[in-house]
Amino acid sequence: DCDIMAAHDTIDAVEQEIKNKYHILTVIHMDPIVTDDKLTAETRERVAQLVRGIDEHITIHDFRMVPGPTHTNLIFDVVTPFGFRLEDAEVARQLRALIRTFDSHYVPVIQVEHSYI
């Protein structure tokens, strides 16, 4: 919930600082999420509970809902701990199956990331 132009300026500045300090190019982007919609908040919490059911150390972020005429995409990132016991594809498969059990019109679009701390 911020000024998009200010956020873009901050991102550009961080990319430039990394380039100058470490001599590498980075691409930073932000994912727009709705923060004041009751259905989105409730659905995000249901998905977070399902994630914790797989493992309490898994988290989600950048959750958004994109409705369409036949289904609603649930787009979000999942973060697994370093050395997690399940492969990324298995984490995504289990989550897709669990989400479809509470609403078959939801189509999960999941990006699995790894925490290295």
C-alpha atoms as a PDB file:
ATOM      1  CA  ASP A   1       0.000   0.000   0.000  1.00  0.00           C
ATOM      2  CA  CYS A   2       2.410   2.636  -1.250  1.00  0.00           C
ATOM      3  CA  ASP A   3       3.092   5.113  -4.008  1.00  0.00           C
ATOM      4  CA  ILE A   4       4.141   2.994  -6.995  1.00  0.00           C
ATOM      5  CA  MET A   5       6.457   5.677  -8.356  1.00  0.00           C
ATOM      6  CA  ALA A   6       8.257   6.016  -5.019  1.00  0.00           C
ATOM      7  CA  ALA A   7       8.613   2.228  -4.787  1.00  0.00           C
ATOM      8  CA  HIS A   8      10.007   2.104  -8.324  1.00  0.00           C
ATOM      9  CA  ASP A   9      12.520   4.832  -7.476  1.00  0.00           C
ATOM     10  CA  THR A  10      13.645   2.945  -4.355  1.00  0.00           C
ATOM     11  CA  ILE A  11      14.068  -0.269  -6.343  1.00  0.00           C
ATOM     12  CA  ASP A  12      16.134   1.524  -9.003  1.00  0.00           C
ATOM     13  CA  ALA A  13      18.359   3.022  -6.301  1.00  0.00           C
ATOM     14  CA  VAL A  14      18.938  -0.364  -4.643  1.00  0.00           C
ATOM     15  CA  GLU A  15      19.795  -1.982  -7.993  1.00  0.00           C
ATOM     16  CA  GLN A  16      22.282   0.811  -8.702  1.00  0.00           C
ATOM     17  CA  GLU A  17      23.836   0.558  -5.223  1.00  0.00           C
ATOM     18  CA  ILE A  18      24.359  -3.194  -5.632  1.00  0.00           C
ATOM     19  CA  LYS A  19      25.890  -2.632  -9.076  1.00  0.00           C
ATOM     20  CA  ASN A  20      28.295  -0.002  -7.740  1.00  0.00           C
ATOM     21  CA  LYS A  21      29.242  -1.866  -4.583  1.00  0.00           C
ATOM     22  CA  TYR A  22      29.448  -5.468  -5.834  1.00  0.00           C
ATOM     23  CA  HIS A  23      29.852  -5.001  -9.606  1.00  0.00           C
ATOM     24  CA  ILE A  24      26.914  -7.251 -10.427  1.00  0.00           C
ATOM     25  CA  LEU A  25      23.621  -6.611 -12.164  1.00  0.00           C
ATOM     26  CA  THR A  26      20.433  -7.411 -10.298  1.00  0.00           C
ATOM     27  CA  VAL A  27      16.781  -7.206 -11.150  1.00  0.00           C
ATOM     28  CA  ILE A  28      14.443  -6.369  -8.318  1.00  0.00           C
ATOM     29  CA  HIS A  29      10.701  -6.224  -8.753  1.00  0.00           C
ATOM     30  CA  MET A  30       7.689  -5.949  -6.535  1.00  0.00           C
ATOM     31  CA  ASP A  31       4.569  -8.027  -6.667  1.00  0.00           C
ATOM     32  CA  PRO A  32       1.355  -6.061  -6.257  1.00  0.00           C
ATOM     33  CA  ILE A  33      -0.875  -7.547  -3.588  1.00  0.00           C
ATOM     34  CA  VAL A  34      -4.244  -6.525  -2.232  1.00  0.00           C
ATOM     35  CA  THR A  35      -4.035  -5.740   1.471  1.00  0.00           C
ATOM     36  CA  ASP A  36      -7.584  -4.646   2.248  1.00  0.00           C
ATOM     37  CA  ASP A  37      -9.837  -7.333   0.726  1.00  0.00           C
ATOM     38  CA  LYS A  38     -11.583  -9.678   3.166  1.00  0.00           C
ATOM     39  CA  LEU A  39     -11.831 -12.665   0.771  1.00  0.00           C
ATOM     40  CA  THR A  40      -8.153 -12.389  -0.180  1.00  0.00           C
ATOM     41  CA  ALA A  41      -7.107 -12.183   3.481  1.00  0.00           C
ATOM     42  CA  GLU A  42      -9.278 -15.170   4.439  1.00  0.00           C
ATOM     43  CA  THR A  43      -8.067 -17.253   1.497  1.00  0.00           C
ATOM     44  CA  ARG A  44      -4.442 -16.355   2.206  1.00  0.00           C
ATOM     45  CA  GLU A  45      -4.845 -17.525   5.812  1.00  0.00           C
ATOM     46  CA  ARG A  46      -6.462 -20.801   4.669  1.00  0.00           C
ATOM     47  CA  VAL A  47      -3.554 -21.424   2.303  1.00  0.00           C
ATOM     48  CA  ALA A  48      -1.050 -20.537   5.046  1.00  0.00           C
ATOM     49  CA  GLN A  49      -2.724 -23.123   7.312  1.00  0.00           C
ATOM     50  CA  LEU A  50      -2.440 -25.757   4.587  1.00  0.00           C
ATOM     51  CA  VAL A  51       1.231 -24.893   4.158  1.00  0.00           C
ATOM     52  CA  ARG A  52       1.847 -25.245   7.897  1.00  0.00           C
ATOM     53  CA  GLY A  53       0.099 -28.629   7.704  1.00  0.00           C
ATOM     54  CA  ILE A  54       2.842 -29.841   5.376  1.00  0.00           C
ATOM     55  CA  ASP A  55       5.570 -28.389   7.602  1.00  0.00           C
ATOM     56  CA  GLU A  56       5.517 -25.615  10.199  1.00  0.00           C
ATOM     57  CA  HIS A  57       8.724 -24.112   8.782  1.00  0.00           C
ATOM     58  CA  ILE A  58       7.268 -23.360   5.333  1.00  0.00           C
ATOM     59  CA  THR A  59       5.994 -19.827   4.738  1.00  0.00           C
ATOM     60  CA  ILE A  60       4.212 -17.999   1.931  1.00  0.00           C
ATOM     61  CA  HIS A  61       4.372 -14.446   0.619  1.00  0.00           C
ATOM     62  CA  ASP A  62       3.183 -12.258  -2.266  1.00  0.00           C
ATOM     63  CA  PHE A  63      -0.260 -13.888  -2.183  1.00  0.00           C
ATOM     64  CA  ARG A  64      -2.741 -12.596  -4.727  1.00  0.00           C
ATOM     65  CA  MET A  65      -6.007 -13.715  -6.290  1.00  0.00           C
ATOM     66  CA  VAL A  66      -6.737 -13.160  -9.986  1.00  0.00           C
ATOM     67  CA  PRO A  67     -10.362 -14.003 -10.789  1.00  0.00           C
ATOM     68  CA  GLY A  68     -11.484 -15.062 -14.234  1.00  0.00           C
ATOM     69  CA  PRO A  69     -14.715 -16.298 -15.790  1.00  0.00           C
ATOM     70  CA  THR A  70     -14.062 -19.996 -15.073  1.00  0.00           C
ATOM     71  CA  HIS A  71     -11.522 -20.035 -12.239  1.00  0.00           C
ATOM     72  CA  THR A  72      -9.459 -17.896  -9.901  1.00  0.00           C
ATOM     73  CA  ASN A  73      -5.674 -18.094  -9.930  1.00  0.00           C
ATOM     74  CA  LEU A  74      -4.087 -18.080  -6.486  1.00  0.00           C
ATOM     75  CA  ILE A  75      -0.587 -16.796  -7.132  1.00  0.00           C
ATOM     76  CA  PHE A  76       1.985 -16.936  -4.349  1.00  0.00           C
ATOM     77  CA  ASP A  77       5.529 -17.850  -3.382  1.00  0.00           C
ATOM     78  CA  VAL A  78       6.393 -20.632  -0.957  1.00  0.00           C
ATOM     79  CA  VAL A  79       9.633 -20.527   1.034  1.00  0.00           C
ATOM     80  CA  THR A  80      11.107 -23.817   2.230  1.00  0.00           C
ATOM     81  CA  PRO A  81      14.001 -24.097   4.668  1.00  0.00           C
ATOM     82  CA  PHE A  82      17.508 -25.007   3.553  1.00  0.00           C
ATOM     83  CA  GLY A  83      17.818 -28.771   3.023  1.00  0.00           C
ATOM     84  CA  PHE A  84      14.055 -29.307   3.144  1.00  0.00           C
ATOM     85  CA  ARG A  85      12.991 -32.953   3.015  1.00  0.00           C
ATOM     86  CA  LEU A  86      10.674 -32.545  -0.002  1.00  0.00           C
ATOM     87  CA  GLU A  87      11.560 -31.568  -3.556  1.00  0.00           C
ATOM     88  CA  ASP A  88      10.108 -28.293  -4.856  1.00  0.00           C
ATOM     89  CA  ALA A  89       7.779 -30.085  -7.271  1.00  0.00           C
ATOM     90  CA  GLU A  90       6.408 -32.242  -4.448  1.00  0.00           C
ATOM     91  CA  VAL A  91       5.737 -29.224  -2.229  1.00  0.00           C
ATOM     92  CA  ALA A  92       3.850 -27.551  -5.076  1.00  0.00           C
ATOM     93  CA  ARG A  93       1.967 -30.760  -5.942  1.00  0.00           C
ATOM     94  CA  GLN A  94       0.812 -31.276  -2.348  1.00  0.00           C
ATOM     95  CA  LEU A  95      -0.302 -27.667  -2.029  1.00  0.00           C
ATOM     96  CA  ARG A  96      -2.207 -27.721  -5.309  1.00  0.00           C
ATOM     97  CA  ALA A  97      -4.051 -30.861  -4.204  1.00  0.00           C
ATOM     98  CA  LEU A  98      -4.884 -29.419  -0.778  1.00  0.00           C
ATOM     99  CA  ILE A  99      -6.093 -26.102  -2.182  1.00  0.00           C
ATOM    100  CA  ARG A 100      -8.336 -27.811  -4.720  1.00  0.00           C
ATOM    101  CA  THR A 101     -10.064 -29.689  -1.867  1.00  0.00           C
ATOM    102  CA  PHE A 102     -11.487 -26.493  -0.391  1.00  0.00           C
ATOM    103  CA  ASP A 103     -12.412 -24.856  -3.721  1.00  0.00           C
ATOM    104  CA  SER A 104     -12.107 -26.586  -7.075  1.00  0.00           C
ATOM    105  CA  HIS A 105     -12.315 -23.232  -8.882  1.00  0.00           C
ATOM    106  CA  TYR A 106      -8.977 -22.148  -7.419  1.00  0.00           C
ATOM    107  CA  VAL A 107      -5.933 -22.758  -9.601  1.00  0.00           C
ATOM    108  CA  PRO A 108      -2.726 -22.407  -7.566  1.00  0.00           C
ATOM    109  CA  VAL A 109       0.241 -20.828  -9.339  1.00  0.00           C
ATOM    110  CA  ILE A 110       3.123 -21.566  -6.992  1.00  0.00           C
ATOM    111  CA  GLN A 111       6.748 -20.501  -7.064  1.00  0.00           C
ATOM    112  CA  VAL A 112       8.907 -22.434  -4.586  1.00  0.00           C
ATOM    113  CA  GLU A 113      11.864 -20.548  -3.117  1.00  0.00           C
ATOM    114  CA  HIS A 114      14.503 -21.551  -0.596  1.00  0.00           C
ATOM    115  CA  SER A 115      15.628 -19.950   2.624  1.00  0.00           C
ATOM    116  CA  TYR A 116      19.345 -20.184   3.215  1.00  0.00           C
ATOM    117  CA  ILE A 117      19.378 -18.900   6.778  1.00  0.00           C
END
